[in-house]
Amino acid sequence: MLFSATISSDLRTVCRKFTKNAHEVFLNSDSKLKLNGLTQYFVLVDNGESKLKKLTDIVDSLNFN
């Protein structure tokens, strides 16, 4: 079983080799994928730095209910 919101053409070809009777669903319009009010960010994590620790620090610093 494989689920992916984004997958490259090369990886899709590999997945097709290892799946049987697979169902593929494609959305052709980018406008269908937008969520109003959602903003995405990325944080560069240095080598040796814990991603979990960084994520915990970010979540702890947020104010939400």
N, C-alpha and C. Protein backbone atom coordinates (compact mmCIF):
# COMPACT_ATOMS: atom_id res chain seq x y z
N MET A 1 0.85 -1.16 0.00
CA MET A 1 0.00 0.00 0.00
C MET A 1 0.90 1.23 0.00
N LEU A 2 0.54 2.20 -0.82
CA LEU A 2 1.33 3.43 -0.92
C LEU A 2 0.39 4.61 -1.06
N PHE A 3 0.59 5.61 -0.23
CA PHE A 3 -0.15 6.86 -0.32
C PHE A 3 0.87 7.98 -0.45
N SER A 4 0.63 8.90 -1.36
CA SER A 4 1.52 10.05 -1.49
C SER A 4 0.74 11.23 -2.04
N ALA A 5 0.92 12.38 -1.40
CA ALA A 5 0.30 13.60 -1.90
C ALA A 5 1.12 14.16 -3.06
N THR A 6 2.40 13.91 -3.03
CA THR A 6 3.29 14.36 -4.10
C THR A 6 4.25 13.22 -4.40
N ILE A 7 4.42 12.92 -5.67
CA ILE A 7 5.34 11.85 -6.05
C ILE A 7 5.92 12.19 -7.42
N SER A 8 7.20 11.99 -7.59
CA SER A 8 7.86 12.32 -8.85
C SER A 8 7.53 11.26 -9.90
N SER A 9 7.71 11.62 -11.15
CA SER A 9 7.44 10.70 -12.25
C SER A 9 8.34 9.47 -12.17
N ASP A 10 9.61 9.68 -11.81
CA ASP A 10 10.55 8.56 -11.70
C ASP A 10 10.12 7.57 -10.62
N LEU A 11 9.72 8.09 -9.47
CA LEU A 11 9.31 7.23 -8.38
C LEU A 11 7.99 6.53 -8.71
N ARG A 12 7.10 7.21 -9.41
CA ARG A 12 5.83 6.60 -9.82
C ARG A 12 6.09 5.38 -10.69
N THR A 13 7.08 5.46 -11.58
CA THR A 13 7.44 4.33 -12.45
C THR A 13 7.93 3.15 -11.62
N VAL A 14 8.75 3.41 -10.63
CA VAL A 14 9.25 2.34 -9.76
C VAL A 14 8.10 1.71 -8.98
N CYS A 15 7.21 2.54 -8.46
CA CYS A 15 6.07 2.02 -7.69
C CYS A 15 5.18 1.12 -8.53
N ARG A 16 5.00 1.47 -9.78
CA ARG A 16 4.16 0.66 -10.68
C ARG A 16 4.75 -0.73 -10.88
N LYS A 17 6.07 -0.87 -10.80
CA LYS A 17 6.71 -2.18 -10.96
C LYS A 17 6.39 -3.11 -9.80
N PHE A 18 6.14 -2.56 -8.61
CA PHE A 18 5.98 -3.37 -7.42
C PHE A 18 4.56 -3.43 -6.88
N THR A 19 3.61 -2.85 -7.59
CA THR A 19 2.23 -2.90 -7.13
C THR A 19 1.37 -3.65 -8.14
N LYS A 20 0.35 -4.33 -7.64
CA LYS A 20 -0.58 -5.06 -8.49
C LYS A 20 -1.97 -4.48 -8.28
N ASN A 21 -2.70 -4.30 -9.34
CA ASN A 21 -4.06 -3.77 -9.28
C ASN A 21 -4.13 -2.44 -8.52
N ALA A 22 -3.14 -1.60 -8.76
CA ALA A 22 -3.08 -0.32 -8.06
C ALA A 22 -4.11 0.66 -8.61
N HIS A 23 -4.61 1.50 -7.74
CA HIS A 23 -5.52 2.57 -8.13
C HIS A 23 -4.79 3.88 -7.95
N GLU A 24 -4.74 4.68 -9.00
CA GLU A 24 -4.08 5.98 -8.95
C GLU A 24 -5.12 7.07 -9.09
N VAL A 25 -5.00 8.09 -8.26
CA VAL A 25 -5.91 9.23 -8.30
C VAL A 25 -5.06 10.47 -8.54
N PHE A 26 -5.41 11.23 -9.55
CA PHE A 26 -4.67 12.45 -9.89
C PHE A 26 -5.62 13.64 -9.83
N LEU A 27 -5.13 14.74 -9.30
CA LEU A 27 -5.85 16.00 -9.33
C LEU A 27 -5.15 16.90 -10.32
N ASN A 28 -5.87 17.34 -11.32
CA ASN A 28 -5.26 18.12 -12.39
C ASN A 28 -5.16 19.61 -12.09
N SER A 29 -5.94 20.10 -11.17
CA SER A 29 -5.97 21.53 -10.91
C SER A 29 -5.32 21.85 -9.58
N ASP A 30 -4.33 22.73 -9.60
CA ASP A 30 -3.68 23.16 -8.35
C ASP A 30 -4.65 23.92 -7.46
N SER A 31 -5.68 24.53 -8.06
CA SER A 31 -6.63 25.31 -7.25
C SER A 31 -7.41 24.41 -6.30
N LYS A 32 -7.52 23.14 -6.60
CA LYS A 32 -8.24 22.21 -5.73
C LYS A 32 -7.42 21.85 -4.49
N LEU A 33 -6.13 22.14 -4.52
CA LEU A 33 -5.24 21.74 -3.44
C LEU A 33 -4.97 22.85 -2.43
N LYS A 34 -5.56 24.02 -2.62
CA LYS A 34 -5.26 25.15 -1.75
C LYS A 34 -6.15 25.15 -0.52
N LEU A 35 -5.53 25.45 0.60
CA LEU A 35 -6.25 25.64 1.86
C LEU A 35 -6.07 27.08 2.27
N ASN A 36 -7.16 27.82 2.33
CA ASN A 36 -7.09 29.23 2.71
C ASN A 36 -6.61 29.37 4.14
N GLY A 37 -5.69 30.30 4.35
CA GLY A 37 -5.19 30.56 5.70
C GLY A 37 -4.05 29.66 6.12
N LEU A 38 -3.63 28.72 5.28
CA LEU A 38 -2.55 27.81 5.63
C LEU A 38 -1.23 28.35 5.08
N THR A 39 -0.26 28.45 5.95
CA THR A 39 1.07 28.90 5.55
C THR A 39 2.07 27.83 5.94
N GLN A 40 2.96 27.48 5.01
CA GLN A 40 3.96 26.46 5.28
C GLN A 40 5.33 27.12 5.44
N TYR A 41 6.13 26.57 6.33
CA TYR A 41 7.48 27.05 6.58
C TYR A 41 8.42 25.87 6.59
N PHE A 42 9.69 26.13 6.43
CA PHE A 42 10.68 25.07 6.61
C PHE A 42 11.76 25.59 7.55
N VAL A 43 12.37 24.66 8.23
CA VAL A 43 13.44 24.99 9.16
C VAL A 43 14.64 24.12 8.81
N LEU A 44 15.77 24.75 8.58
CA LEU A 44 16.99 24.03 8.29
C LEU A 44 17.56 23.47 9.59
N VAL A 45 17.78 22.17 9.62
CA VAL A 45 18.33 21.51 10.81
C VAL A 45 19.76 21.11 10.50
N ASP A 46 20.69 21.56 11.33
CA ASP A 46 22.10 21.26 11.13
C ASP A 46 22.38 19.78 11.36
N ASN A 47 23.44 19.28 10.72
CA ASN A 47 23.85 17.90 10.95
C ASN A 47 24.13 17.69 12.43
N GLY A 48 23.65 16.58 12.94
CA GLY A 48 23.86 16.27 14.34
C GLY A 48 22.80 16.85 15.26
N GLU A 49 22.00 17.78 14.73
CA GLU A 49 20.94 18.38 15.53
C GLU A 49 19.70 17.49 15.43
N SER A 50 19.02 17.28 16.53
CA SER A 50 17.86 16.41 16.57
C SER A 50 16.65 17.10 15.94
N LYS A 51 16.05 16.46 14.94
CA LYS A 51 14.84 17.00 14.32
C LYS A 51 13.69 17.00 15.32
N LEU A 52 13.60 15.97 16.12
CA LEU A 52 12.54 15.90 17.13
C LEU A 52 12.68 17.02 18.14
N LYS A 53 13.90 17.29 18.58
CA LYS A 53 14.14 18.39 19.53
C LYS A 53 13.76 19.72 18.92
N LYS A 54 14.12 19.93 17.66
CA LYS A 54 13.80 21.18 16.97
C LYS A 54 12.28 21.33 16.85
N LEU A 55 11.59 20.26 16.46
CA LEU A 55 10.14 20.29 16.32
C LEU A 55 9.47 20.56 17.67
N THR A 56 9.97 19.92 18.71
CA THR A 56 9.43 20.13 20.06
C THR A 56 9.60 21.59 20.48
N ASP A 57 10.76 22.17 20.21
CA ASP A 57 11.01 23.57 20.55
C ASP A 57 10.04 24.50 19.80
N ILE A 58 9.80 24.21 18.53
CA ILE A 58 8.89 25.05 17.73
C ILE A 58 7.47 24.94 18.25
N VAL A 59 7.00 23.74 18.49
CA VAL A 59 5.63 23.54 18.98
C VAL A 59 5.45 24.17 20.35
N ASP A 60 6.45 24.04 21.21
CA ASP A 60 6.37 24.63 22.55
C ASP A 60 6.29 26.15 22.49
N SER A 61 6.85 26.76 21.45
CA SER A 61 6.87 28.22 21.36
C SER A 61 5.59 28.79 20.75
N LEU A 62 4.72 27.94 20.21
CA LEU A 62 3.48 28.40 19.57
C LEU A 62 2.38 28.63 20.60
N ASN A 63 1.55 29.60 20.31
CA ASN A 63 0.35 29.85 21.11
C ASN A 63 -0.86 29.52 20.26
N PHE A 64 -1.56 28.47 20.62
CA PHE A 64 -2.77 28.10 19.89
C PHE A 64 -3.72 27.39 20.85
N ASN A 65 -4.99 27.33 20.44
CA ASN A 65 -5.98 26.66 21.29
C ASN A 65 -6.78 25.68 20.47
